Amino acid sequence: MKLALVQFAPVFGDLQSSMQKLELLLQKAKDADLIVLPEMANTGYNFDSKKQAYALSEPAQNSLFVEFLINQCKRYNFALVTGFAEKEGEKLYNSALLIDESGVVSTYRKLHLFMNEKNIFEAGDIDLEVIDYKGTKLGMLVCFDWMFPEAWRKLALQGAELILHPSNLVLPYAQSVIPSYALVNRMYIATANRVGSEKDLTFTGQSVIAGCKGEILAKAGVETEEVLMVDIDPSLALNKMITPLNDAFEDRRTDKYE
């Protein structure tokens, strides 16, 4: 599988400008099989109020942004995961969507809301689930979910080979934990962060793809808009052996700490 990340700065509240930027970046990633975009790639992040966020968000099933991404998938024959400010009735969710040429394949809604998100979004109401997509078992998390090892482990125990992680990270150390989660769960992780600033927030870039042994396969810069692409073998995530006598999952002492 060719796996790609797109690190960029959405134009806050300007969907057309954000799509224009993405169109050029996705062309650079056209050889990928699967691409990950940052959190809330359709709107930007730092809302003044729930009212402003509601005005800028879209329903996933009636969205100019989603339609744009579906057309990009048709054009280049890839799939992608994007962060998405999702409107459902009167409620707002900080979501991740798996999209291909057929439409929205799967939706995940962020479980762990960060700072002012708690005043705007509903906490996720969809269980952590693994999607078997074209023979690869995928999981999705969003940004601050990084802080909670239970989420990563639950997806890993369900067989996730690759976790797609759209992000708008502002804490400068958050990316450092990603290779560790990849190592302890023996799976691939792709964290697509954004760059730029919105009002009082500066985003920290450094998007990263980590391998099953915690190795950094690709890492972006702090401020640059760029595309990362690597070849991965998802089947390597099926091997949980650390030594010939140690299985990362079978050796867990759940009798003592479950």
C-alpha atoms as a PDB file:
ATOM      1  CA  MET A   1       0.000   0.000   0.000  1.00  0.00           C
ATOM      2  CA  LYS A   2       1.116   3.526  -0.775  1.00  0.00           C
ATOM      3  CA  LEU A   3       0.128   5.618   2.221  1.00  0.00           C
ATOM      4  CA  ALA A   4       0.203   9.421   2.116  1.00  0.00           C
ATOM      5  CA  LEU A   5      -0.358  12.330   4.489  1.00  0.00           C
ATOM      6  CA  VAL A   6      -1.288  15.847   3.449  1.00  0.00           C
ATOM      7  CA  GLN A   7      -0.117  18.529   5.883  1.00  0.00           C
ATOM      8  CA  PHE A   8      -1.666  21.905   5.113  1.00  0.00           C
ATOM      9  CA  ALA A   9      -3.446  24.931   6.592  1.00  0.00           C
ATOM     10  CA  PRO A  10      -7.159  25.124   5.782  1.00  0.00           C
ATOM     11  CA  VAL A  11      -8.371  28.673   5.179  1.00  0.00           C
ATOM     12  CA  PHE A  12     -10.650  29.372   8.121  1.00  0.00           C
ATOM     13  CA  GLY A  13     -14.264  29.678   7.031  1.00  0.00           C
ATOM     14  CA  ASP A  14     -13.376  29.713   3.322  1.00  0.00           C
ATOM     15  CA  LEU A  15     -14.250  26.321   1.896  1.00  0.00           C
ATOM     16  CA  GLN A  16     -13.485  27.206  -1.716  1.00  0.00           C
ATOM     17  CA  SER A  17      -9.962  28.400  -0.894  1.00  0.00           C
ATOM     18  CA  SER A  18      -9.293  25.302   1.206  1.00  0.00           C
ATOM     19  CA  MET A  19     -10.448  23.049  -1.623  1.00  0.00           C
ATOM     20  CA  GLN A  20      -8.249  24.900  -4.104  1.00  0.00           C
ATOM     21  CA  LYS A  21      -5.237  24.296  -1.877  1.00  0.00           C
ATOM     22  CA  LEU A  22      -6.159  20.659  -1.421  1.00  0.00           C
ATOM     23  CA  GLU A  23      -6.656  20.099  -5.132  1.00  0.00           C
ATOM     24  CA  LEU A  24      -2.998  20.935  -5.759  1.00  0.00           C
ATOM     25  CA  LEU A  25      -1.754  18.882  -2.816  1.00  0.00           C
ATOM     26  CA  LEU A  26      -3.862  15.848  -3.705  1.00  0.00           C
ATOM     27  CA  GLN A  27      -2.454  15.952  -7.230  1.00  0.00           C
ATOM     28  CA  LYS A  28       0.984  15.482  -5.650  1.00  0.00           C
ATOM     29  CA  ALA A  29      -0.396  12.485  -3.757  1.00  0.00           C
ATOM     30  CA  LYS A  30      -2.155  10.984  -6.795  1.00  0.00           C
ATOM     31  CA  ASP A  31      -0.108   7.766  -6.717  1.00  0.00           C
ATOM     32  CA  ALA A  32      -1.239   6.922  -3.188  1.00  0.00           C
ATOM     33  CA  ASP A  33      -3.752   4.223  -2.334  1.00  0.00           C
ATOM     34  CA  LEU A  34      -4.844   5.911   0.887  1.00  0.00           C
ATOM     35  CA  ILE A  35      -4.393   9.529   2.054  1.00  0.00           C
ATOM     36  CA  VAL A  36      -4.942  11.181   5.442  1.00  0.00           C
ATOM     37  CA  LEU A  37      -5.899  14.858   5.815  1.00  0.00           C
ATOM     38  CA  PRO A  38      -5.876  16.959   9.013  1.00  0.00           C
ATOM     39  CA  GLU A  39      -8.680  17.462  11.519  1.00  0.00           C
ATOM     40  CA  MET A  40     -11.539  19.766  10.426  1.00  0.00           C
ATOM     41  CA  ALA A  41     -10.006  20.193   6.998  1.00  0.00           C
ATOM     42  CA  ASN A  42     -13.282  21.654   5.710  1.00  0.00           C
ATOM     43  CA  THR A  43     -13.618  24.605   8.090  1.00  0.00           C
ATOM     44  CA  GLY A  44     -10.504  25.407  10.056  1.00  0.00           C
ATOM     45  CA  TYR A  45     -10.486  24.995  13.803  1.00  0.00           C
ATOM     46  CA  ASN A  46     -10.572  27.980  16.143  1.00  0.00           C
ATOM     47  CA  PHE A  47     -14.248  28.940  16.234  1.00  0.00           C
ATOM     48  CA  ASP A  48     -15.503  31.949  18.184  1.00  0.00           C
ATOM     49  CA  SER A  49     -18.741  30.227  19.123  1.00  0.00           C
ATOM     50  CA  LYS A  50     -20.970  27.242  18.531  1.00  0.00           C
ATOM     51  CA  LYS A  51     -23.111  29.455  16.291  1.00  0.00           C
ATOM     52  CA  GLN A  52     -20.101  30.192  14.058  1.00  0.00           C
ATOM     53  CA  ALA A  53     -19.116  26.519  13.954  1.00  0.00           C
ATOM     54  CA  TYR A  54     -22.674  25.513  13.060  1.00  0.00           C
ATOM     55  CA  ALA A  55     -22.786  28.008  10.203  1.00  0.00           C
ATOM     56  CA  LEU A  56     -19.543  26.648   8.722  1.00  0.00           C
ATOM     57  CA  SER A  57     -20.190  22.918   9.233  1.00  0.00           C
ATOM     58  CA  GLU A  58     -21.930  20.574   6.792  1.00  0.00           C
ATOM     59  CA  PRO A  59     -23.888  17.314   6.980  1.00  0.00           C
ATOM     60  CA  ALA A  60     -21.724  14.494   5.647  1.00  0.00           C
ATOM     61  CA  GLN A  61     -24.460  13.384   3.255  1.00  0.00           C
ATOM     62  CA  ASN A  62     -24.995  16.862   1.789  1.00  0.00           C
ATOM     63  CA  SER A  63     -21.567  18.450   1.693  1.00  0.00           C
ATOM     64  CA  LEU A  64     -19.686  20.374  -0.963  1.00  0.00           C
ATOM     65  CA  PHE A  65     -16.435  19.323   0.700  1.00  0.00           C
ATOM     66  CA  VAL A  66     -17.306  15.636   0.720  1.00  0.00           C
ATOM     67  CA  GLU A  67     -18.460  15.829  -2.906  1.00  0.00           C
ATOM     68  CA  PHE A  68     -15.146  17.464  -3.819  1.00  0.00           C
ATOM     69  CA  LEU A  69     -13.215  14.667  -2.114  1.00  0.00           C
ATOM     70  CA  ILE A  70     -15.327  11.948  -3.750  1.00  0.00           C
ATOM     71  CA  ASN A  71     -14.500  13.478  -7.135  1.00  0.00           C
ATOM     72  CA  GLN A  72     -10.803  13.501  -6.256  1.00  0.00           C
ATOM     73  CA  CYS A  73     -11.051   9.812  -5.335  1.00  0.00           C
ATOM     74  CA  LYS A  74     -12.713   9.075  -8.679  1.00  0.00           C
ATOM     75  CA  ARG A  75     -10.106  11.093 -10.535  1.00  0.00           C
ATOM     76  CA  TYR A  76      -7.062   9.458  -8.991  1.00  0.00           C
ATOM     77  CA  ASN A  77      -8.426   6.112  -7.775  1.00  0.00           C
ATOM     78  CA  PHE A  78      -7.414   6.560  -4.149  1.00  0.00           C
ATOM     79  CA  ALA A  79      -9.297   6.616  -0.848  1.00  0.00           C
ATOM     80  CA  LEU A  80      -8.816   9.131   1.934  1.00  0.00           C
ATOM     81  CA  VAL A  81      -9.611   9.937   5.519  1.00  0.00           C
ATOM     82  CA  THR A  82     -10.377  13.532   6.377  1.00  0.00           C
ATOM     83  CA  GLY A  83     -11.189  15.460   9.492  1.00  0.00           C
ATOM     84  CA  PHE A  84     -14.657  16.994   9.118  1.00  0.00           C
ATOM     85  CA  ALA A  85     -16.753  19.476  11.084  1.00  0.00           C
ATOM     86  CA  GLU A  86     -19.999  17.529  10.875  1.00  0.00           C
ATOM     87  CA  LYS A  87     -23.511  18.872  11.327  1.00  0.00           C
ATOM     88  CA  GLU A  88     -26.287  16.414  12.190  1.00  0.00           C
ATOM     89  CA  GLY A  89     -29.542  18.167  12.923  1.00  0.00           C
ATOM     90  CA  GLU A  90     -28.840  20.622  15.730  1.00  0.00           C
ATOM     91  CA  LYS A  91     -25.729  18.770  16.852  1.00  0.00           C
ATOM     92  CA  LEU A  92     -22.099  19.225  15.816  1.00  0.00           C
ATOM     93  CA  TYR A  93     -19.411  16.544  15.817  1.00  0.00           C
ATOM     94  CA  ASN A  94     -15.667  16.658  15.277  1.00  0.00           C
ATOM     95  CA  SER A  95     -15.524  13.732  12.883  1.00  0.00           C
ATOM     96  CA  ALA A  96     -13.303  11.689  10.629  1.00  0.00           C
ATOM     97  CA  LEU A  97     -14.674  10.302   7.370  1.00  0.00           C
ATOM     98  CA  LEU A  98     -13.325   7.472   5.233  1.00  0.00           C
ATOM     99  CA  ILE A  99     -14.179   8.387   1.654  1.00  0.00           C
ATOM    100  CA  ASP A 100     -13.650   6.677  -1.688  1.00  0.00           C
ATOM    101  CA  GLU A 101     -15.160   6.924  -5.153  1.00  0.00           C
ATOM    102  CA  SER A 102     -18.423   5.435  -3.863  1.00  0.00           C
ATOM    103  CA  GLY A 103     -18.931   8.058  -1.140  1.00  0.00           C
ATOM    104  CA  VAL A 104     -18.576   8.036   2.646  1.00  0.00           C
ATOM    105  CA  VAL A 105     -17.547   4.523   3.655  1.00  0.00           C
ATOM    106  CA  SER A 106     -17.280   5.035   7.412  1.00  0.00           C
ATOM    107  CA  THR A 107     -17.620   7.776  10.034  1.00  0.00           C
ATOM    108  CA  TYR A 108     -15.895   8.204  13.394  1.00  0.00           C
ATOM    109  CA  ARG A 109     -16.732  10.982  15.866  1.00  0.00           C
ATOM    110  CA  LYS A 110     -14.037  12.242  18.223  1.00  0.00           C
ATOM    111  CA  LEU A 111     -14.468  10.787  21.693  1.00  0.00           C
ATOM    112  CA  HIS A 112     -12.142  13.045  23.667  1.00  0.00           C
ATOM    113  CA  LEU A 113     -12.839  16.751  23.172  1.00  0.00           C
ATOM    114  CA  PHE A 114     -10.025  19.260  23.715  1.00  0.00           C
ATOM    115  CA  MET A 115     -10.401  22.615  25.462  1.00  0.00           C
ATOM    116  CA  ASN A 116     -13.053  24.824  23.808  1.00  0.00           C
ATOM    117  CA  GLU A 117     -14.297  21.939  21.683  1.00  0.00           C
ATOM    118  CA  LYS A 118     -16.322  20.997  24.765  1.00  0.00           C
ATOM    119  CA  ASN A 119     -18.390  24.160  24.288  1.00  0.00           C
ATOM    120  CA  ILE A 120     -19.090  23.455  20.619  1.00  0.00           C
ATOM    121  CA  PHE A 121     -19.176  19.748  19.795  1.00  0.00           C
ATOM    122  CA  GLU A 122     -20.938  16.709  21.151  1.00  0.00           C
ATOM    123  CA  ALA A 123     -18.652  13.961  22.399  1.00  0.00           C
ATOM    124  CA  GLY A 124     -18.505  11.083  19.944  1.00  0.00           C
ATOM    125  CA  ASP A 125     -21.419   8.649  20.003  1.00  0.00           C
ATOM    126  CA  ILE A 126     -19.992   5.951  17.710  1.00  0.00           C
ATOM    127  CA  ASP A 127     -18.111   2.980  19.135  1.00  0.00           C
ATOM    128  CA  LEU A 128     -14.464   2.433  18.275  1.00  0.00           C
ATOM    129  CA  GLU A 129     -14.627   0.111  15.296  1.00  0.00           C
ATOM    130  CA  VAL A 130     -12.219  -1.422  12.812  1.00  0.00           C
ATOM    131  CA  ILE A 131     -13.142  -1.187   9.131  1.00  0.00           C
ATOM    132  CA  ASP A 132     -12.056  -3.993   6.804  1.00  0.00           C
ATOM    133  CA  TYR A 133     -11.365  -1.878   3.723  1.00  0.00           C
ATOM    134  CA  LYS A 134     -10.126  -3.682   0.624  1.00  0.00           C
ATOM    135  CA  GLY A 135      -8.315  -6.254   2.731  1.00  0.00           C
ATOM    136  CA  THR A 136      -6.726  -3.847   5.229  1.00  0.00           C
ATOM    137  CA  LYS A 137      -8.103  -3.352   8.724  1.00  0.00           C
ATOM    138  CA  LEU A 138      -8.323   0.369   9.467  1.00  0.00           C
ATOM    139  CA  GLY A 139      -9.139   2.365  12.576  1.00  0.00           C
ATOM    140  CA  MET A 140      -9.759   6.096  12.932  1.00  0.00           C
ATOM    141  CA  LEU A 141      -9.034   8.490  15.790  1.00  0.00           C
ATOM    142  CA  VAL A 142      -8.989  12.300  15.899  1.00  0.00           C
ATOM    143  CA  CYS A 143      -6.344  14.564  17.446  1.00  0.00           C
ATOM    144  CA  PHE A 144      -6.698  14.632  21.284  1.00  0.00           C
ATOM    145  CA  ASP A 145      -7.681  10.975  21.247  1.00  0.00           C
ATOM    146  CA  TRP A 146      -3.878  10.560  21.198  1.00  0.00           C
ATOM    147  CA  MET A 147      -3.837  11.125  24.962  1.00  0.00           C
ATOM    148  CA  PHE A 148      -5.828   8.004  25.798  1.00  0.00           C
ATOM    149  CA  PRO A 149      -3.995   4.687  25.327  1.00  0.00           C
ATOM    150  CA  GLU A 150      -7.226   2.734  25.813  1.00  0.00           C
ATOM    151  CA  ALA A 151      -8.532   3.943  22.447  1.00  0.00           C
ATOM    152  CA  TRP A 152      -5.438   2.802  20.549  1.00  0.00           C
ATOM    153  CA  ARG A 153      -5.357  -0.528  22.357  1.00  0.00           C
ATOM    154  CA  LYS A 154      -9.039  -1.250  21.786  1.00  0.00           C
ATOM    155  CA  LEU A 155      -8.636  -0.748  18.044  1.00  0.00           C
ATOM    156  CA  ALA A 156      -5.483  -2.854  18.054  1.00  0.00           C
ATOM    157  CA  LEU A 157      -7.241  -5.682  19.886  1.00  0.00           C
ATOM    158  CA  GLN A 158      -9.943  -5.578  17.205  1.00  0.00           C
ATOM    159  CA  GLY A 159      -7.225  -6.252  14.644  1.00  0.00           C
ATOM    160  CA  ALA A 160      -6.388  -2.756  13.365  1.00  0.00           C
ATOM    161  CA  GLU A 161      -3.330  -2.842  11.120  1.00  0.00           C
ATOM    162  CA  LEU A 162      -3.323   0.900  10.442  1.00  0.00           C
ATOM    163  CA  ILE A 163      -4.824   3.801  12.381  1.00  0.00           C
ATOM    164  CA  LEU A 164      -5.583   7.051  10.538  1.00  0.00           C
ATOM    165  CA  HIS A 165      -5.369  10.061  12.837  1.00  0.00           C
ATOM    166  CA  PRO A 166      -6.447  13.484  11.485  1.00  0.00           C
ATOM    167  CA  SER A 167      -5.146  16.143  13.873  1.00  0.00           C
ATOM    168  CA  ASN A 168      -4.874  19.841  14.688  1.00  0.00           C
ATOM    169  CA  LEU A 169      -2.167  19.465  17.324  1.00  0.00           C
ATOM    170  CA  VAL A 170      -1.094  22.540  19.262  1.00  0.00           C
ATOM    171  CA  LEU A 171       0.767  20.912  22.150  1.00  0.00           C
ATOM    172  CA  PRO A 172       4.370  20.706  20.910  1.00  0.00           C
ATOM    173  CA  TYR A 173       5.049  17.237  22.327  1.00  0.00           C
ATOM    174  CA  ALA A 174       1.947  15.368  21.196  1.00  0.00           C
ATOM    175  CA  GLN A 175       3.548  13.867  18.078  1.00  0.00           C
ATOM    176  CA  SER A 176       6.273  12.229  20.171  1.00  0.00           C
ATOM    177  CA  VAL A 177       3.886   9.610  21.550  1.00  0.00           C
ATOM    178  CA  ILE A 178       2.761   8.304  18.143  1.00  0.00           C
ATOM    179  CA  PRO A 179       5.731   5.977  17.499  1.00  0.00           C
ATOM    180  CA  SER A 180       5.293   4.551  21.007  1.00  0.00           C
ATOM    181  CA  TYR A 181       1.666   3.651  20.372  1.00  0.00           C
ATOM    182  CA  ALA A 182       2.713   2.052  17.092  1.00  0.00           C
ATOM    183  CA  LEU A 183       5.365   0.029  18.919  1.00  0.00           C
ATOM    184  CA  VAL A 184       3.325  -1.210  21.875  1.00  0.00           C
ATOM    185  CA  ASN A 185       0.411  -2.173  19.615  1.00  0.00           C
ATOM    186  CA  ARG A 186       2.596  -3.393  16.726  1.00  0.00           C
ATOM    187  CA  MET A 187       0.628  -1.471  14.076  1.00  0.00           C
ATOM    188  CA  TYR A 188       1.029   1.424  11.668  1.00  0.00           C
ATOM    189  CA  ILE A 189      -0.149   4.919  12.586  1.00  0.00           C
ATOM    190  CA  ALA A 190      -0.553   7.905  10.260  1.00  0.00           C
ATOM    191  CA  THR A 191      -1.016  11.236  12.053  1.00  0.00           C
ATOM    192  CA  ALA A 192      -1.851  14.075   9.652  1.00  0.00           C
ATOM    193  CA  ASN A 193      -1.432  17.387  11.440  1.00  0.00           C
ATOM    194  CA  ARG A 194      -1.972  20.896  10.121  1.00  0.00           C
ATOM    195  CA  VAL A 195       0.205  24.004  10.124  1.00  0.00           C
ATOM    196  CA  GLY A 196      -0.378  27.750  10.428  1.00  0.00           C
ATOM    197  CA  SER A 197      -2.133  29.879  13.041  1.00  0.00           C
ATOM    198  CA  GLU A 198      -5.704  30.876  13.851  1.00  0.00           C
ATOM    199  CA  LYS A 199      -6.099  33.703  16.328  1.00  0.00           C
ATOM    200  CA  ASP A 200      -4.298  32.595  19.507  1.00  0.00           C
ATOM    201  CA  LEU A 201      -3.501  29.048  18.344  1.00  0.00           C
ATOM    202  CA  THR A 202      -0.424  27.913  16.413  1.00  0.00           C
ATOM    203  CA  PHE A 203      -0.450  24.398  15.013  1.00  0.00           C
ATOM    204  CA  THR A 204       2.692  22.324  15.250  1.00  0.00           C
ATOM    205  CA  GLY A 205       2.923  20.371  11.983  1.00  0.00           C
ATOM    206  CA  GLN A 206       5.337  17.428  12.176  1.00  0.00           C
ATOM    207  CA  SER A 207       2.860  14.979  10.680  1.00  0.00           C
ATOM    208  CA  VAL A 208       4.228  11.480  11.105  1.00  0.00           C
ATOM    209  CA  ILE A 209       3.885   7.940   9.809  1.00  0.00           C
ATOM    210  CA  ALA A 210       5.128   5.321  12.270  1.00  0.00           C
ATOM    211  CA  GLY A 211       5.806   1.650  11.626  1.00  0.00           C
ATOM    212  CA  CYS A 212       4.993  -1.444  13.658  1.00  0.00           C
ATOM    213  CA  LYS A 213       8.274  -1.325  15.591  1.00  0.00           C
ATOM    214  CA  GLY A 214       7.947   2.348  16.441  1.00  0.00           C
ATOM    215  CA  GLU A 215      10.172   3.467  13.591  1.00  0.00           C
ATOM    216  CA  ILE A 216       9.460   6.851  12.005  1.00  0.00           C
ATOM    217  CA  LEU A 217       8.843   6.163   8.318  1.00  0.00           C
ATOM    218  CA  ALA A 218       8.213   9.792   7.376  1.00  0.00           C
ATOM    219  CA  LYS A 219       7.916  13.101   9.201  1.00  0.00           C
ATOM    220  CA  ALA A 220       6.926  16.555   7.971  1.00  0.00           C
ATOM    221  CA  GLY A 221       8.281  19.936   8.968  1.00  0.00           C
ATOM    222  CA  VAL A 222       6.918  22.276  11.624  1.00  0.00           C
ATOM    223  CA  GLU A 223       5.542  24.965   9.288  1.00  0.00           C
ATOM    224  CA  THR A 224       5.492  23.603   5.730  1.00  0.00           C
ATOM    225  CA  GLU A 225       2.546  22.473   3.650  1.00  0.00           C
ATOM    226  CA  GLU A 226       3.650  19.162   2.188  1.00  0.00           C
ATOM    227  CA  VAL A 227       2.812  15.627   1.168  1.00  0.00           C
ATOM    228  CA  LEU A 228       4.450  12.572   2.741  1.00  0.00           C
ATOM    229  CA  MET A 229       4.221   9.196   1.029  1.00  0.00           C
ATOM    230  CA  VAL A 230       5.584   5.775   2.008  1.00  0.00           C
ATOM    231  CA  ASP A 231       5.089   2.158   1.019  1.00  0.00           C
ATOM    232  CA  ILE A 232       3.813  -0.012   3.846  1.00  0.00           C
ATOM    233  CA  ASP A 233       2.899  -3.673   4.267  1.00  0.00           C
ATOM    234  CA  PRO A 234      -0.158  -3.792   6.565  1.00  0.00           C
ATOM    235  CA  SER A 235       0.248  -7.543   7.066  1.00  0.00           C
ATOM    236  CA  LEU A 236       3.318  -6.852   9.226  1.00  0.00           C
ATOM    237  CA  ALA A 237       0.905  -5.616  11.890  1.00  0.00           C
ATOM    238  CA  LEU A 238      -0.385  -9.181  12.255  1.00  0.00           C
ATOM    239  CA  ASN A 239       2.902 -10.194  13.912  1.00  0.00           C
ATOM    240  CA  LYS A 240       2.734  -9.302  17.602  1.00  0.00           C
ATOM    241  CA  MET A 241       5.913 -11.177  18.560  1.00  0.00           C
ATOM    242  CA  ILE A 242       8.538  -9.102  20.376  1.00  0.00           C
ATOM    243  CA  THR A 243      10.887 -12.057  20.939  1.00  0.00           C
ATOM    244  CA  PRO A 244      10.398 -15.757  20.104  1.00  0.00           C
ATOM    245  CA  LEU A 245       8.845 -16.118  23.561  1.00  0.00           C
ATOM    246  CA  ASN A 246       6.981 -12.812  23.902  1.00  0.00           C
ATOM    247  CA  ASP A 247       3.710 -11.902  22.231  1.00  0.00           C
ATOM    248  CA  ALA A 248       2.694  -8.273  22.859  1.00  0.00           C
ATOM    249  CA  PHE A 249      -0.947  -9.226  23.312  1.00  0.00           C
ATOM    250  CA  GLU A 250      -0.801 -12.772  24.671  1.00  0.00           C
ATOM    251  CA  ASP A 251       1.619 -11.752  27.442  1.00  0.00           C
ATOM    252  CA  ARG A 252      -0.759  -9.148  28.878  1.00  0.00           C
ATOM    253  CA  ARG A 253      -1.686  -9.893  32.498  1.00  0.00           C
ATOM    254  CA  THR A 254      -5.302  -8.870  32.256  1.00  0.00           C
ATOM    255  CA  ASP A 255      -6.009 -10.839  35.436  1.00  0.00           C
ATOM    256  CA  LYS A 256      -4.106  -8.091  37.277  1.00  0.00           C
ATOM    257  CA  TYR A 257      -5.041  -4.906  35.436  1.00  0.00           C
ATOM    258  CA  GLU A 258      -8.078  -5.280  33.227  1.00  0.00           C
END
